[in-house]
Protein backbone atom coordinates (compact mmCIF):
# COMPACT_ATOMS: atom_id res chain seq x y z
CA MET A 1 -46.86 37.96 -190.11
CA THR A 2 -49.42 35.19 -190.84
CA ASN A 3 -52.14 35.17 -193.58
CA GLN A 4 -54.83 35.75 -190.99
CA GLU A 5 -53.08 38.88 -189.68
CA ILE A 6 -52.91 40.55 -193.09
CA CYS A 7 -56.06 38.94 -194.71
CA PRO A 8 -58.82 41.55 -195.16
CA PHE A 9 -61.44 38.81 -195.05
CA CYS A 10 -60.29 37.10 -191.83
CA HIS A 11 -61.18 40.25 -189.85
CA PRO A 12 -63.72 42.16 -192.03
CA GLU A 13 -64.74 44.45 -189.24
CA GLU A 14 -61.32 46.06 -189.11
CA ASP A 15 -61.85 47.79 -192.50
CA LYS A 16 -64.19 50.75 -191.90
CA ASP A 17 -65.19 50.73 -195.57
CA GLN A 18 -66.17 47.06 -195.56
CA ASN A 19 -69.77 46.30 -194.45
CA ILE A 20 -70.95 43.01 -193.10
CA VAL A 21 -74.41 42.90 -194.66
CA PHE A 22 -75.31 39.41 -193.52
CA GLU A 23 -73.64 36.57 -191.83
CA ASN A 24 -74.43 33.01 -190.77
CA GLU A 25 -72.48 30.42 -188.76
CA SER A 26 -69.55 30.03 -191.21
CA CYS A 27 -69.82 32.86 -193.85
CA TYR A 28 -70.19 36.59 -194.41
CA PHE A 29 -71.75 38.58 -197.15
CA LEU A 30 -69.66 41.73 -197.47
CA GLN A 31 -69.90 44.93 -199.47
CA HIS A 32 -66.97 47.27 -199.73
CA ASN A 33 -67.72 50.99 -200.19
CA LYS A 34 -64.94 51.56 -202.77
CA HIS A 35 -66.60 49.17 -205.29
CA GLN A 36 -70.07 50.72 -205.15
CA ASP A 37 -69.48 53.57 -207.67
CA VAL A 38 -68.96 51.19 -210.61
CA LEU A 39 -70.28 47.90 -209.33
CA GLU A 40 -73.40 49.07 -207.63
CA GLY A 41 -74.70 46.50 -205.11
CA SER A 42 -71.74 44.17 -205.62
CA GLY A 43 -70.29 42.04 -202.78
CA VAL A 44 -68.62 38.83 -201.83
CA ILE A 45 -69.56 35.79 -199.83
CA VAL A 46 -66.58 34.76 -197.69
CA PRO A 47 -66.05 31.85 -195.36
CA LYS A 48 -65.11 33.01 -191.86
CA SER A 49 -62.28 30.39 -191.76
CA HIS A 50 -59.25 31.17 -193.96
CA HIS A 51 -59.17 29.01 -197.13
CA ALA A 52 -57.05 29.94 -200.07
CA ASN A 53 -59.61 28.74 -202.59
CA ALA A 54 -63.12 27.31 -203.00
CA PHE A 55 -61.76 23.77 -203.44
CA GLU A 56 -60.83 23.86 -199.73
CA LEU A 57 -64.36 24.64 -198.44
CA THR A 58 -66.19 22.20 -196.16
CA GLU A 59 -69.64 20.93 -196.96
CA LYS A 60 -70.97 23.16 -194.17
CA GLU A 61 -69.33 26.24 -195.74
CA TRP A 62 -70.76 25.36 -199.16
CA ASN A 63 -74.20 25.08 -197.66
CA ASP A 64 -73.80 28.37 -195.74
CA THR A 65 -72.55 30.00 -198.94
CA TYR A 66 -75.64 28.90 -200.72
CA GLU A 67 -77.82 30.15 -197.90
CA LEU A 68 -76.17 33.58 -198.06
CA LEU A 69 -76.32 33.73 -201.82
CA GLN A 70 -80.09 33.31 -201.70
CA LYS A 71 -80.40 35.95 -198.89
CA ALA A 72 -78.09 38.39 -200.78
CA LYS A 73 -80.08 37.88 -203.98
CA SER A 74 -83.38 38.75 -202.20
CA TYR A 75 -81.69 41.80 -200.61
CA LEU A 76 -80.07 42.95 -203.87
CA ASP A 77 -83.26 42.46 -205.93
CA GLU A 78 -85.31 44.49 -203.42
CA THR A 79 -82.66 47.27 -202.92
CA TYR A 80 -81.20 47.62 -206.45
CA SER A 81 -83.49 45.84 -208.93
CA PRO A 82 -80.76 44.42 -211.13
CA ASP A 83 -81.54 42.84 -214.50
CA GLY A 84 -79.12 39.90 -213.95
CA TYR A 85 -76.11 38.71 -212.07
CA THR A 86 -72.54 37.70 -212.60
CA LEU A 87 -71.30 35.23 -209.97
CA GLY A 88 -67.74 33.90 -209.80
CA TRP A 89 -64.78 32.56 -207.97
CA ASN A 90 -61.20 33.28 -209.02
CA VAL A 91 -58.73 30.57 -208.02
CA GLY A 92 -55.02 31.36 -208.37
CA GLU A 93 -53.04 34.34 -209.66
CA VAL A 94 -53.61 33.35 -213.31
CA SER A 95 -57.38 33.96 -212.75
CA ASN A 96 -56.78 37.31 -211.06
CA GLN A 97 -57.15 36.16 -207.44
CA PHE A 98 -55.14 38.58 -205.39
CA ILE A 99 -56.68 38.06 -202.01
CA PHE A 100 -55.90 34.43 -201.14
CA HIS A 101 -59.00 33.90 -198.98
CA CYS A 102 -61.69 32.35 -201.15
CA HIS A 103 -64.60 34.55 -201.95
CA LEU A 104 -67.64 34.33 -204.30
CA HIS A 105 -68.20 37.58 -206.23
CA VAL A 106 -71.94 38.53 -206.42
CA ILE A 107 -72.24 41.26 -209.00
CA PRO A 108 -75.60 42.69 -210.00
CA ARG A 109 -75.80 43.53 -213.68
CA TYR A 110 -77.91 46.18 -215.35
CA ASN A 111 -79.26 46.65 -218.93
CA ASP A 112 -78.00 50.24 -219.05
CA GLU A 113 -74.36 49.53 -218.16
CA PRO A 114 -71.78 49.93 -220.99
CA LEU A 115 -70.73 46.31 -220.74
CA ALA A 116 -74.26 44.76 -220.51
CA GLY A 117 -74.35 41.43 -222.19
CA LYS A 118 -70.58 40.77 -221.74
CA GLY A 119 -69.88 38.33 -218.98
CA VAL A 120 -66.75 36.50 -217.97
CA ARG A 121 -66.85 34.18 -221.02
CA TYR A 122 -66.91 37.16 -223.31
CA TRP A 123 -63.53 38.28 -222.16
CA LEU A 124 -62.00 34.81 -221.94
CA LYS A 125 -63.09 33.88 -225.39
CA GLN A 126 -61.35 36.76 -227.17
CA PRO A 127 -58.75 35.57 -229.86
CA GLU A 128 -55.85 37.21 -228.03
CA ASN A 129 -56.54 34.89 -225.04
CA LYS A 130 -55.83 31.69 -227.07
CA ARG A 131 -53.03 29.62 -225.48
CA LYS A 132 -49.94 29.04 -227.52
CA THR A 133 -49.50 25.50 -226.24
CA SER A 134 -51.91 22.89 -224.85
CA ASN A 135 -51.67 20.34 -222.00
CA VAL A 136 -54.27 18.09 -223.64
CA LYS A 137 -53.00 14.48 -223.73
């Protein structure tokens, strides 16, 4: 079985709980029903072509990602009125990437959520996350 046959982002229409909210020539903005209870309004921007990570995107895909990000923000602002956003790419297993089709997380944030004010850097800067060794030369 190839990556494209098992990848949920190569054929998003096959998952009945995944909604294609917007698309352009090379990308989708998707929202999955199972994430809406906790991460209200969250979604991902995904290239239609299978790329393992964001470093493999073409210039066209970067431009189309930007276009959908702006469109998604307008839609989310109007629909959910968030107080901020967390945006992010995970690249590799060490960063918690478990679907190896690159995707930009678009997560609306709200002042009344229990973890308001705590973004990605908050978690990564915890003392228990300090490396035991360093590769700095």
